[in-house]
Amino acid sequence: MSELCLSPTYRLAQRAVAGWLEHGSARMRQAAFAARAALAGLDAPEHGRLARWLAWLEVAAQSQGAASPEPRVRRLDTSLHQAMQDAMARLPGNTPVVQRGNHRRSA
C-alpha cells in the first residue's frame, strides 16, 4: 500500500512512533507522549496496519542483529504490543529459523 493511500492520522501515528523509537533517552518522554497522542487517533484497521509495520521492523532487527523494538513498544502501549505480537505470528515466512535468527547464507 503506498503512503498516498494512507490516512493523515495513520501517517502521523507512524511518524510519531518511528520518531519515538529513534530518540535517545533525553527526549524519550516527550516523544512517547506525542506517539501516544497520535495512536489515540487511529481506528482499528489503522491500528492493525501500524502493528504489522512494527512486526516487520522486529523481523528486520532480528535479521540484522540490531536492538529489538519490541520492549519499547511494550512500554509505549500494551495493546499495540499485543497487536504487534499477533501480526508477527501471521507474517509470511514466520518459521522457527526466522525467529532464532539462524539464516542460511547462499554461496
C-alpha atoms as a PDB file:
ATOM      1  CA  MET A   1       0.000   0.000   0.000  1.00  0.00           C
ATOM      2  CA  SER A   2       1.517   3.294  -0.990  1.00  0.00           C
ATOM      3  CA  GLU A   3       1.821   6.072   1.551  1.00  0.00           C
ATOM      4  CA  LEU A   4      -0.531   8.232  -0.526  1.00  0.00           C
ATOM      5  CA  CYS A   5      -3.396   5.836   0.257  1.00  0.00           C
ATOM      6  CA  LEU A   6      -2.841   6.022   4.000  1.00  0.00           C
ATOM      7  CA  SER A   7      -4.846   8.448   6.095  1.00  0.00           C
ATOM      8  CA  PRO A   8      -3.177  11.520   7.570  1.00  0.00           C
ATOM      9  CA  THR A   9      -3.954  10.141  11.037  1.00  0.00           C
ATOM     10  CA  TYR A  10      -2.102   6.903  10.272  1.00  0.00           C
ATOM     11  CA  ARG A  11       0.889   8.724   8.767  1.00  0.00           C
ATOM     12  CA  LEU A  12       1.074  10.969  11.835  1.00  0.00           C
ATOM     13  CA  ALA A  13       0.969   7.965  14.181  1.00  0.00           C
ATOM     14  CA  GLN A  14       3.569   6.057  12.172  1.00  0.00           C
ATOM     15  CA  ARG A  15       5.935   9.029  12.124  1.00  0.00           C
ATOM     16  CA  ALA A  16       5.401   9.654  15.840  1.00  0.00           C
ATOM     17  CA  VAL A  17       6.125   6.021  16.732  1.00  0.00           C
ATOM     18  CA  ALA A  18       9.167   5.963  14.412  1.00  0.00           C
ATOM     19  CA  GLY A  19      10.452   9.162  15.979  1.00  0.00           C
ATOM     20  CA  TRP A  20       9.943   7.730  19.435  1.00  0.00           C
ATOM     21  CA  LEU A  21      11.819   4.551  18.523  1.00  0.00           C
ATOM     22  CA  GLU A  22      14.741   6.576  17.147  1.00  0.00           C
ATOM     23  CA  HIS A  23      15.114   9.053  20.031  1.00  0.00           C
ATOM     24  CA  GLY A  24      17.565   8.551  22.807  1.00  0.00           C
ATOM     25  CA  SER A  25      16.600   8.748  26.444  1.00  0.00           C
ATOM     26  CA  ALA A  26      16.923  12.545  26.584  1.00  0.00           C
ATOM     27  CA  ARG A  27      13.763  13.229  24.578  1.00  0.00           C
ATOM     28  CA  MET A  28      12.087   9.865  25.112  1.00  0.00           C
ATOM     29  CA  ARG A  29       9.389  11.108  27.476  1.00  0.00           C
ATOM     30  CA  GLN A  30       8.286  13.931  25.182  1.00  0.00           C
ATOM     31  CA  ALA A  31       8.379  11.659  22.117  1.00  0.00           C
ATOM     32  CA  ALA A  32       6.389   8.965  23.969  1.00  0.00           C
ATOM     33  CA  PHE A  33       3.686  11.495  24.808  1.00  0.00           C
ATOM     34  CA  ALA A  34       3.472  12.572  21.141  1.00  0.00           C
ATOM     35  CA  ALA A  35       3.356   8.938  19.983  1.00  0.00           C
ATOM     36  CA  ARG A  36       0.595   8.024  22.452  1.00  0.00           C
ATOM     37  CA  ALA A  37      -1.437  11.040  21.411  1.00  0.00           C
ATOM     38  CA  ALA A  38      -1.074  10.070  17.745  1.00  0.00           C
ATOM     39  CA  LEU A  39      -2.026   6.442  18.473  1.00  0.00           C
ATOM     40  CA  ALA A  40      -5.261   7.585  20.096  1.00  0.00           C
ATOM     41  CA  GLY A  41      -6.489   8.879  16.737  1.00  0.00           C
ATOM     42  CA  LEU A  42      -6.167   5.561  14.914  1.00  0.00           C
ATOM     43  CA  ASP A  43      -9.162   3.462  14.007  1.00  0.00           C
ATOM     44  CA  ALA A  44      -8.995  -0.347  14.274  1.00  0.00           C
ATOM     45  CA  PRO A  45      -7.731  -1.095  10.728  1.00  0.00           C
ATOM     46  CA  GLU A  46      -5.038   1.580  11.014  1.00  0.00           C
ATOM     47  CA  HIS A  47      -4.013   0.216  14.421  1.00  0.00           C
ATOM     48  CA  GLY A  48      -3.591  -3.187  12.783  1.00  0.00           C
ATOM     49  CA  ARG A  49      -1.542  -1.723   9.918  1.00  0.00           C
ATOM     50  CA  LEU A  50       0.755   0.009  12.370  1.00  0.00           C
ATOM     51  CA  ALA A  51       1.161  -3.220  14.344  1.00  0.00           C
ATOM     52  CA  ARG A  52       2.074  -5.066  11.129  1.00  0.00           C
ATOM     53  CA  TRP A  53       4.629  -2.362  10.273  1.00  0.00           C
ATOM     54  CA  LEU A  54       6.148  -2.750  13.745  1.00  0.00           C
ATOM     55  CA  ALA A  55       6.201  -6.537  13.308  1.00  0.00           C
ATOM     56  CA  TRP A  56       8.218  -6.086  10.112  1.00  0.00           C
ATOM     57  CA  LEU A  57      10.582  -3.747  11.983  1.00  0.00           C
ATOM     58  CA  GLU A  58      11.060  -6.504  14.560  1.00  0.00           C
ATOM     59  CA  VAL A  59      11.863  -9.060  11.837  1.00  0.00           C
ATOM     60  CA  ALA A  60      14.338  -6.622  10.252  1.00  0.00           C
ATOM     61  CA  ALA A  61      16.001  -6.003  13.617  1.00  0.00           C
ATOM     62  CA  GLN A  62      16.304  -9.746  14.249  1.00  0.00           C
ATOM     63  CA  SER A  63      17.790 -10.414  10.820  1.00  0.00           C
ATOM     64  CA  GLN A  64      20.341  -7.617  11.229  1.00  0.00           C
ATOM     65  CA  GLY A  65      21.200  -8.434  14.823  1.00  0.00           C
ATOM     66  CA  ALA A  66      20.015  -4.975  15.862  1.00  0.00           C
ATOM     67  CA  ALA A  67      18.185  -3.967  19.015  1.00  0.00           C
ATOM     68  CA  SER A  68      14.601  -5.157  19.071  1.00  0.00           C
ATOM     69  CA  PRO A  69      11.862  -2.512  19.124  1.00  0.00           C
ATOM     70  CA  GLU A  70       9.554  -4.924  20.966  1.00  0.00           C
ATOM     71  CA  PRO A  71      10.397  -3.955  24.584  1.00  0.00           C
ATOM     72  CA  ARG A  72       9.999  -0.272  23.764  1.00  0.00           C
ATOM     73  CA  VAL A  73       6.661  -0.871  22.033  1.00  0.00           C
ATOM     74  CA  ARG A  74       5.507  -2.801  25.116  1.00  0.00           C
ATOM     75  CA  ARG A  75       6.362   0.210  27.309  1.00  0.00           C
ATOM     76  CA  LEU A  76       4.670   2.615  24.902  1.00  0.00           C
ATOM     77  CA  ASP A  77       1.315   0.856  24.508  1.00  0.00           C
ATOM     78  CA  THR A  78       0.338  -2.637  25.643  1.00  0.00           C
ATOM     79  CA  SER A  79      -2.500  -3.012  23.135  1.00  0.00           C
ATOM     80  CA  LEU A  80      -0.175  -2.047  20.282  1.00  0.00           C
ATOM     81  CA  HIS A  81       2.390  -4.524  21.589  1.00  0.00           C
ATOM     82  CA  GLN A  82      -0.204  -7.312  21.648  1.00  0.00           C
ATOM     83  CA  ALA A  83      -1.331  -6.413  18.129  1.00  0.00           C
ATOM     84  CA  MET A  84       2.332  -6.453  17.065  1.00  0.00           C
ATOM     85  CA  GLN A  85       2.740  -9.949  18.542  1.00  0.00           C
ATOM     86  CA  ASP A  86      -0.386 -11.126  16.713  1.00  0.00           C
ATOM     87  CA  ALA A  87       0.882  -9.592  13.464  1.00  0.00           C
ATOM     88  CA  MET A  88       4.272 -11.292  13.880  1.00  0.00           C
ATOM     89  CA  ALA A  89       2.542 -14.650  14.151  1.00  0.00           C
ATOM     90  CA  ARG A  90       0.821 -14.023  10.820  1.00  0.00           C
ATOM     91  CA  LEU A  91       3.815 -12.735   8.845  1.00  0.00           C
ATOM     92  CA  PRO A  92       4.831 -14.812   5.839  1.00  0.00           C
ATOM     93  CA  GLY A  93       7.918 -16.910   6.474  1.00  0.00           C
ATOM     94  CA  ASN A  94       7.462 -16.763  10.230  1.00  0.00           C
ATOM     95  CA  THR A  95       9.279 -20.016  10.985  1.00  0.00           C
ATOM     96  CA  PRO A  96      11.412 -21.084  13.937  1.00  0.00           C
ATOM     97  CA  VAL A  97      14.502 -20.422  11.794  1.00  0.00           C
ATOM     98  CA  VAL A  98      13.468 -16.810  11.274  1.00  0.00           C
ATOM     99  CA  GLN A  99      12.624 -16.432  14.959  1.00  0.00           C
ATOM    100  CA  ARG A 100      16.006 -17.803  16.080  1.00  0.00           C
ATOM    101  CA  GLY A 101      17.932 -15.764  13.533  1.00  0.00           C
ATOM    102  CA  ASN A 102      19.549 -18.875  12.018  1.00  0.00           C
ATOM    103  CA  HIS A 103      19.515 -17.642   8.469  1.00  0.00           C
ATOM    104  CA  ARG A 104      21.119 -19.708   5.766  1.00  0.00           C
ATOM    105  CA  ARG A 105      23.675 -17.927   3.690  1.00  0.00           C
ATOM    106  CA  SER A 106      23.850 -18.586  -0.011  1.00  0.00           C
ATOM    107  CA  ALA A 107      27.160 -19.444  -1.620  1.00  0.00           C
END
